[in-house]
Amino acid sequence: MRMGMVGLGKMGGNMATRLRRGGIEVVGYDRSSEVLEKLADEEGVIASGSVGDLLSKLPSQKIVWIMLPSGEITENQIVELSNMLAKGDVVIDGGNSNYHDSMRRGAMLAEKGIGFMDAGTSGGIWGLENGYCLMVGASPEVAATVEPILKVLAPTPDSGWAHVGPVGSGHYVKMIHNGIEYGMMQAFAEGLELMEKKPEFSLDLAQITELWRHSSVVRSWLLDLTAEALKHDQKLDKIAPYVADSGEGRWTAIEAIEQGIAAPVLSLALQMRFASQNEKGYGYKLLSLMRNAFGGHAVKSES
């Protein structure tokens, strides 16, 4: 099976690598020729000099997975593809797009007979090794076409991926997933800060987070990553207490307002990220550390 991958950055490059190692032929394109050449040399990705060149190297039913930043960049790429693809071809958006945009884009492509899948993708920088959790929205026909690709990207062929509903539902489920992630991270950060600020006990946070990893109710992959990071640095002196929000948390809070559903934990976790941009505190440093641990997101250093 051969497919195209547009966008070979942190996530896209790792996904292309996992696909190649799983036996899927990947024709890749990225604005960075250096990144593309490295993947071609090391993993056998078929390099292309443009999106048009990429399409020329695909079989008659073209499947193109895009891994680009949400917003205008993804919008422009899908519009460009809509004018270059034919009936029966498939576009997959694996980025963190707003589900409203995915529904609109799916409808636009459907008018031309082009299939569309919105793939909520979780796993961060660890997906290459562990596999990706994939929440996909598509018609049954498109889902069946893309299934062999999903089975390679997922942790196992039978777990870690699901066709959750029609177009838009994949990015909707991923949006809620990220909102929950905000709340979990905030809870860990607040609890650990309470312990860090209790000098009379001289608590070892690396020891405690490692302890919680084993049979504790709060054990999780997020705790695993936090415990590992704290083994190397508990003071976090070099990390600024600044936590960015990449969009999905905002969308989740807006969705709660629009549905009239109380979501105080998710909403407050988002507000605390805003607060971090103007405040100092150990908890904010921990949040920044966690984002870096699972997603490779940049950490702002103390000046």
Protein backbone atom coordinates (compact mmCIF):
# COMPACT_ATOMS: atom_id res chain seq x y z
CA MET A 1 0.00 0.00 0.00
CA ARG A 2 1.27 3.48 -0.87
CA MET A 3 0.12 6.81 0.57
CA GLY A 4 1.24 10.43 0.74
CA MET A 5 2.24 12.38 3.86
CA VAL A 6 2.36 16.18 3.77
CA GLY A 7 4.10 17.69 6.79
CA LEU A 8 7.00 15.72 8.24
CA GLY A 9 7.69 17.65 11.41
CA LYS A 10 7.81 16.27 14.94
CA MET A 11 4.63 14.21 14.62
CA GLY A 12 4.42 13.71 10.87
CA GLY A 13 8.00 12.51 10.58
CA ASN A 14 7.56 9.94 13.32
CA MET A 15 4.28 8.75 11.80
CA ALA A 16 5.90 8.36 8.39
CA THR A 17 8.68 6.37 10.04
CA ARG A 18 6.25 4.05 11.84
CA LEU A 19 4.31 3.52 8.63
CA ARG A 20 7.47 2.61 6.72
CA ARG A 21 8.56 0.19 9.42
CA GLY A 22 5.09 -1.36 9.24
CA GLY A 23 5.33 -1.99 5.51
CA ILE A 24 3.41 1.00 4.15
CA GLU A 25 5.08 2.90 1.30
CA VAL A 26 5.12 6.63 2.08
CA VAL A 27 5.60 9.44 -0.41
CA GLY A 28 6.54 12.46 1.66
CA TYR A 29 6.66 16.22 1.24
CA ASP A 30 7.88 18.87 3.65
CA ARG A 31 9.05 22.43 3.22
CA SER A 32 12.32 21.41 4.88
CA SER A 33 14.41 19.53 2.34
CA GLU A 34 16.77 18.52 5.16
CA VAL A 35 14.00 16.74 7.06
CA LEU A 36 12.77 15.05 3.89
CA GLU A 37 16.22 13.87 2.86
CA LYS A 38 16.87 12.42 6.31
CA LEU A 39 13.66 10.39 6.23
CA ALA A 40 14.39 9.26 2.69
CA ASP A 41 17.92 8.13 3.58
CA GLU A 42 17.13 6.53 6.93
CA GLU A 43 13.59 5.17 6.53
CA GLY A 44 13.00 4.84 2.80
CA VAL A 45 10.37 7.56 2.53
CA ILE A 46 9.95 8.49 -1.14
CA ALA A 47 10.86 12.17 -1.39
CA SER A 48 8.89 14.63 -3.50
CA GLY A 49 9.67 18.22 -4.42
CA SER A 50 6.11 19.52 -4.22
CA VAL A 51 2.58 18.44 -3.44
CA GLY A 52 2.00 17.95 -7.14
CA ASP A 53 5.08 15.76 -7.39
CA LEU A 54 3.84 13.77 -4.39
CA LEU A 55 0.48 13.12 -6.07
CA SER A 56 2.18 12.00 -9.28
CA LYS A 57 3.88 9.22 -7.32
CA LEU A 58 0.66 7.80 -5.84
CA PRO A 59 -1.57 5.09 -7.36
CA SER A 60 -4.95 5.74 -8.92
CA GLN A 61 -6.80 6.00 -5.59
CA LYS A 62 -4.71 8.62 -3.86
CA ILE A 63 -4.61 8.76 -0.05
CA VAL A 64 -2.99 11.89 1.38
CA TRP A 65 -2.45 12.35 5.12
CA ILE A 66 -1.64 15.91 6.19
CA MET A 67 0.10 16.73 9.47
CA LEU A 68 0.19 20.52 9.54
CA PRO A 69 -0.59 23.21 12.13
CA SER A 70 -4.30 23.85 12.55
CA GLY A 71 -5.87 26.92 10.99
CA GLU A 72 -4.91 28.70 7.80
CA ILE A 73 -2.03 26.39 6.83
CA THR A 74 -4.22 23.29 6.95
CA GLU A 75 -7.10 25.14 5.27
CA ASN A 76 -4.94 26.24 2.33
CA GLN A 77 -3.49 22.77 1.90
CA ILE A 78 -6.88 21.08 1.81
CA VAL A 79 -8.20 23.64 -0.68
CA GLU A 80 -5.15 23.04 -2.88
CA LEU A 81 -5.65 19.28 -2.70
CA SER A 82 -9.34 19.64 -3.52
CA ASN A 83 -8.34 21.10 -6.89
CA MET A 84 -5.76 18.41 -7.61
CA LEU A 85 -7.46 15.19 -6.52
CA ALA A 86 -10.14 13.14 -8.28
CA LYS A 87 -13.33 11.38 -7.28
CA GLY A 88 -12.59 8.48 -4.93
CA ASP A 89 -9.37 9.94 -3.53
CA VAL A 90 -9.04 10.51 0.22
CA VAL A 91 -7.66 13.34 2.37
CA ILE A 92 -6.85 12.73 6.05
CA ASP A 93 -6.26 15.58 8.49
CA GLY A 94 -4.30 14.23 11.46
CA GLY A 95 -3.63 17.62 13.05
CA ASN A 96 -5.52 19.30 15.87
CA SER A 97 -8.10 21.06 13.74
CA ASN A 98 -11.33 22.48 15.10
CA TYR A 99 -14.10 19.96 14.46
CA HIS A 100 -16.33 22.66 12.93
CA ASP A 101 -13.63 23.24 10.30
CA SER A 102 -13.35 19.50 9.69
CA MET A 103 -17.10 19.18 9.12
CA ARG A 104 -17.01 22.08 6.65
CA ARG A 105 -13.94 20.73 4.85
CA GLY A 106 -15.45 17.27 4.63
CA ALA A 107 -18.59 18.68 3.05
CA MET A 108 -16.54 20.74 0.58
CA LEU A 109 -14.54 17.70 -0.50
CA ALA A 110 -17.65 15.52 -0.69
CA GLU A 111 -19.10 17.84 -3.33
CA LYS A 112 -16.21 16.76 -5.54
CA GLY A 113 -16.50 13.10 -4.61
CA ILE A 114 -13.31 13.22 -2.53
CA GLY A 115 -13.33 11.35 0.78
CA PHE A 116 -12.25 12.98 4.03
CA MET A 117 -11.18 11.68 7.42
CA ASP A 118 -10.47 13.76 10.52
CA ALA A 119 -8.03 11.83 12.68
CA GLY A 120 -7.60 12.97 16.25
CA THR A 121 -4.07 11.83 17.03
CA SER A 122 -2.64 11.34 20.52
CA GLY A 123 0.70 9.92 21.56
CA GLY A 124 3.01 12.87 21.14
CA ILE A 125 6.70 12.25 20.62
CA TRP A 126 6.30 8.71 22.01
CA GLY A 127 4.00 7.54 19.23
CA LEU A 128 6.80 6.21 17.06
CA GLU A 129 7.79 3.72 19.74
CA ASN A 130 4.44 3.05 21.45
CA GLY A 131 1.95 3.66 18.65
CA TYR A 132 -0.67 6.38 18.34
CA CYS A 133 -4.16 6.60 19.77
CA LEU A 134 -6.33 7.47 16.77
CA MET A 135 -9.88 8.80 16.99
CA VAL A 136 -11.22 9.02 13.46
CA GLY A 137 -14.31 10.54 11.89
CA ALA A 138 -15.31 9.48 8.38
CA SER A 139 -17.88 7.68 6.29
CA PRO A 140 -17.79 3.88 6.60
CA GLU A 141 -16.33 3.66 3.09
CA VAL A 142 -13.45 6.03 3.80
CA ALA A 143 -12.79 4.37 7.17
CA ALA A 144 -12.49 0.98 5.46
CA THR A 145 -10.08 2.39 2.88
CA VAL A 146 -7.78 3.91 5.52
CA GLU A 147 -8.03 1.01 8.02
CA PRO A 148 -4.74 -0.68 7.01
CA ILE A 149 -2.89 2.59 7.71
CA LEU A 150 -4.58 3.05 11.08
CA LYS A 151 -3.66 -0.49 12.11
CA VAL A 152 0.03 0.23 11.52
CA LEU A 153 0.01 3.57 13.33
CA ALA A 154 -1.90 2.24 16.37
CA PRO A 155 -0.25 0.36 19.27
CA THR A 156 -1.61 -2.90 17.86
CA PRO A 157 -3.82 -3.67 14.85
CA ASP A 158 -6.78 -4.26 17.17
CA SER A 159 -6.32 -1.58 19.82
CA GLY A 160 -5.68 2.13 20.11
CA TRP A 161 -7.73 3.21 17.10
CA ALA A 162 -11.46 3.55 16.47
CA HIS A 163 -13.83 4.89 13.86
CA VAL A 164 -15.86 6.94 16.31
CA GLY A 165 -18.42 8.47 13.96
CA PRO A 166 -19.01 10.70 10.91
CA VAL A 167 -16.75 13.48 9.65
CA GLY A 168 -15.93 15.89 12.47
CA SER A 169 -16.35 13.38 15.26
CA GLY A 170 -12.68 12.38 15.34
CA HIS A 171 -11.48 15.91 16.02
CA TYR A 172 -14.38 16.45 18.42
CA VAL A 173 -13.37 13.44 20.53
CA LYS A 174 -9.72 14.56 20.43
CA MET A 175 -10.79 18.05 21.56
CA ILE A 176 -12.55 16.62 24.61
CA HIS A 177 -9.57 14.33 25.23
CA ASN A 178 -7.28 17.37 25.39
CA GLY A 179 -9.67 19.21 27.68
CA ILE A 180 -9.54 16.27 30.11
CA GLU A 181 -5.75 16.27 29.75
CA TYR A 182 -5.68 19.91 30.91
CA GLY A 183 -7.63 18.98 34.05
CA MET A 184 -5.44 15.98 34.88
CA MET A 185 -2.27 18.00 34.46
CA GLN A 186 -3.60 20.81 36.62
CA ALA A 187 -4.53 18.39 39.42
CA PHE A 188 -1.06 16.82 39.45
CA ALA A 189 0.61 20.23 39.35
CA GLU A 190 -1.43 21.60 42.27
CA GLY A 191 -0.95 18.52 44.42
CA LEU A 192 2.78 18.37 43.85
CA GLU A 193 3.14 22.07 44.54
CA LEU A 194 1.39 21.62 47.90
CA MET A 195 3.97 18.99 48.82
CA GLU A 196 6.88 21.05 47.49
CA LYS A 197 5.78 23.95 49.72
CA LYS A 198 5.81 21.81 52.93
CA PRO A 199 9.45 22.25 54.03
CA GLU A 200 9.07 20.64 57.46
CA PHE A 201 8.50 17.24 55.80
CA SER A 202 11.33 17.55 53.23
CA LEU A 203 9.27 15.49 50.81
CA ASP A 204 11.04 13.85 47.88
CA LEU A 205 8.68 14.40 44.93
CA ALA A 206 10.60 11.99 42.71
CA GLN A 207 10.15 9.28 45.34
CA ILE A 208 6.45 10.04 45.83
CA THR A 209 5.54 10.19 42.14
CA GLU A 210 7.42 6.92 41.59
CA LEU A 211 5.52 5.42 44.54
CA TRP A 212 2.16 6.49 43.07
CA ARG A 213 2.97 4.76 39.79
CA HIS A 214 2.49 1.35 41.44
CA SER A 215 -1.11 0.29 42.23
CA SER A 216 -2.19 3.85 43.11
CA VAL A 217 -5.60 5.07 41.93
CA VAL A 218 -3.92 8.03 40.20
CA ARG A 219 -1.38 5.95 38.25
CA SER A 220 -1.24 6.99 34.59
CA TRP A 221 1.12 7.60 31.70
CA LEU A 222 1.11 11.28 32.60
CA LEU A 223 2.29 10.35 36.10
CA ASP A 224 4.95 8.06 34.58
CA LEU A 225 6.35 10.94 32.55
CA THR A 226 6.23 13.34 35.50
CA ALA A 227 7.98 10.88 37.81
CA GLU A 228 10.73 10.27 35.27
CA ALA A 229 11.29 13.99 34.75
CA LEU A 230 11.43 14.70 38.49
CA LYS A 231 14.14 12.06 38.94
CA HIS A 232 16.46 14.36 37.03
CA ASP A 233 15.33 17.74 38.36
CA GLN A 234 12.95 18.59 41.22
CA LYS A 235 13.78 22.25 41.64
CA LEU A 236 12.92 23.15 38.02
CA ASP A 237 14.98 26.32 38.35
CA LYS A 238 15.65 26.48 34.60
CA ILE A 239 11.98 26.21 33.60
CA ALA A 240 9.86 29.35 33.43
CA PRO A 241 6.36 29.11 35.01
CA TYR A 242 4.76 29.75 31.63
CA VAL A 243 2.28 27.26 30.15
CA ALA A 244 1.02 27.71 26.60
CA ASP A 245 -2.38 26.47 25.43
CA SER A 246 -2.53 25.09 21.92
CA GLY A 247 -6.24 25.64 21.28
CA GLU A 248 -8.11 22.44 22.09
CA GLY A 249 -8.66 23.43 25.73
CA ARG A 250 -10.28 26.69 24.64
CA TRP A 251 -12.51 24.86 22.18
CA THR A 252 -13.57 22.41 24.89
CA ALA A 253 -14.53 25.25 27.25
CA ILE A 254 -16.48 26.96 24.46
CA GLU A 255 -18.27 23.69 23.66
CA ALA A 256 -19.32 23.36 27.31
CA ILE A 257 -20.75 26.88 27.23
CA GLU A 258 -22.60 26.25 23.97
CA GLN A 259 -24.12 23.03 25.32
CA GLY A 260 -24.89 24.57 28.71
CA ILE A 261 -22.98 21.79 30.45
CA ALA A 262 -21.00 22.52 33.61
CA ALA A 263 -17.33 21.71 33.09
CA PRO A 264 -15.64 23.66 35.91
CA VAL A 265 -12.49 21.53 36.13
CA LEU A 266 -11.74 21.69 32.40
CA SER A 267 -12.58 25.40 32.21
CA LEU A 268 -10.54 26.33 35.28
CA ALA A 269 -7.55 24.31 34.06
CA LEU A 270 -7.61 26.43 30.91
CA GLN A 271 -7.87 29.63 32.95
CA MET A 272 -4.88 28.56 35.03
CA ARG A 273 -2.81 28.30 31.85
CA PHE A 274 -3.76 31.88 31.09
CA ALA A 275 -2.79 32.86 34.63
CA SER A 276 0.61 31.22 34.25
CA GLN A 277 1.52 33.76 31.62
CA ASN A 278 1.45 36.49 34.27
CA GLU A 279 2.33 34.63 37.47
CA LYS A 280 5.16 32.66 39.00
CA GLY A 281 4.85 29.31 40.71
CA TYR A 282 6.19 25.78 40.99
CA GLY A 283 2.92 24.29 39.73
CA TYR A 284 3.17 26.18 36.46
CA LYS A 285 6.72 24.92 36.01
CA LEU A 286 5.40 21.37 36.46
CA LEU A 287 2.71 21.92 33.84
CA SER A 288 5.31 23.14 31.39
CA LEU A 289 7.49 20.13 32.21
CA MET A 290 4.59 17.71 31.58
CA ARG A 291 3.77 19.25 28.18
CA ASN A 292 7.39 18.83 27.18
CA ALA A 293 7.48 15.23 28.46
CA PHE A 294 4.56 13.91 26.41
CA GLY A 295 4.48 16.20 23.41
CA GLY A 296 7.93 17.69 23.07
CA HIS A 297 6.38 21.15 23.39
CA ALA A 298 8.94 23.90 23.86
CA VAL A 299 9.79 24.90 27.43
CA LYS A 300 10.31 28.57 28.16
CA SER A 301 13.53 29.05 30.12
CA GLU A 302 13.99 31.38 33.04
CA SER A 303 15.78 34.53 31.92
